[in-house]
């Protein structure tokens, strides 16, 4: 089977790859992709009131007409803004390694989605707007670098720990892949818990394809302890969902309990505090993986397949 051969080749390549010299299948490496990165954050830091018009002309989408120049001059001189830009400069001195990894991600995208137009990457600061740390439009990929300073950075004090632990540069490419997934994976009209689990499972399987050099922990945003917990308790999690007849439930509270970012999943049992959040996504991932392992369907057909089809044909059996 082509897919099996391809993935064996991927794994052989990745086994011998080191961090600074990632080896990928030749078909992906040969993709003619070179991303352009514009460091708006650095350019704005070097802007003065006298040459403000120049940067406004270059980046008109950052300067809405309803805001006067005095707003931007004030931002240039604001002490907290200066400290934020300095923190970004310290964490991302030249952005070279990140640019190489983003370029590698888009080589994978070009291989699997050959008609996708590669955007221009623009880095900026966002006042730690972590909910919008990555914005992907038809032509631009906006990256809020102040959301990737490391989980213990002082700018993240007051942010819930389960959120701040994801504000690290190791998750940058994974966040971009998540933003891209929304372009190619339709959100289900089916409101069932199963359909939503498999939607997120598709997103994580897409990361399997696009982020071949990264770990499963980086893809889902778990630390090692959280990921080990999910693996060790996979059978019990699945049994809980099945025995309580949650799969076809449309209870809107199942999202906050098992799908949405949270400090832990909410089984309403004593073990809750030990569990990581988003375990419904983890299970959806395993279902999609099981489906792709058992079928010959091309990856490009997966994204639009109904959850029910994937679930039935996957014959998912949790690891014991």
Foldseek 3Di string as FASTA:
>chain_A
DVVVVQVVVQVVQLVPDDLVGRDGPPQLVPQPFAAAEAALAVVLLVDALVCPVVVCVVCVVVPDPVDDVVVSNCLNPDPVNVVLSVLLCVQCVPCVSVSVLLRSLVSLVCSQPVVQDDAHEYEHADLLPVVPQWDDDSHYTYHHSSQASALPDPSCPPPDSLRSRCSHPLLRNLVVLLNVLPVQFPQDPQLALLQNLLSLLLSLVSCVRRVVNDDSCSNVVHDPQQVVVLQVCVQVVVCLCVVVVRGGDNPPVCCVQAQDQDQFHPSVDPCGNSHGHNSSNVNSNQLQVLQVVQDPDDSSVPRPDGSVVSNVNSPDDRDD
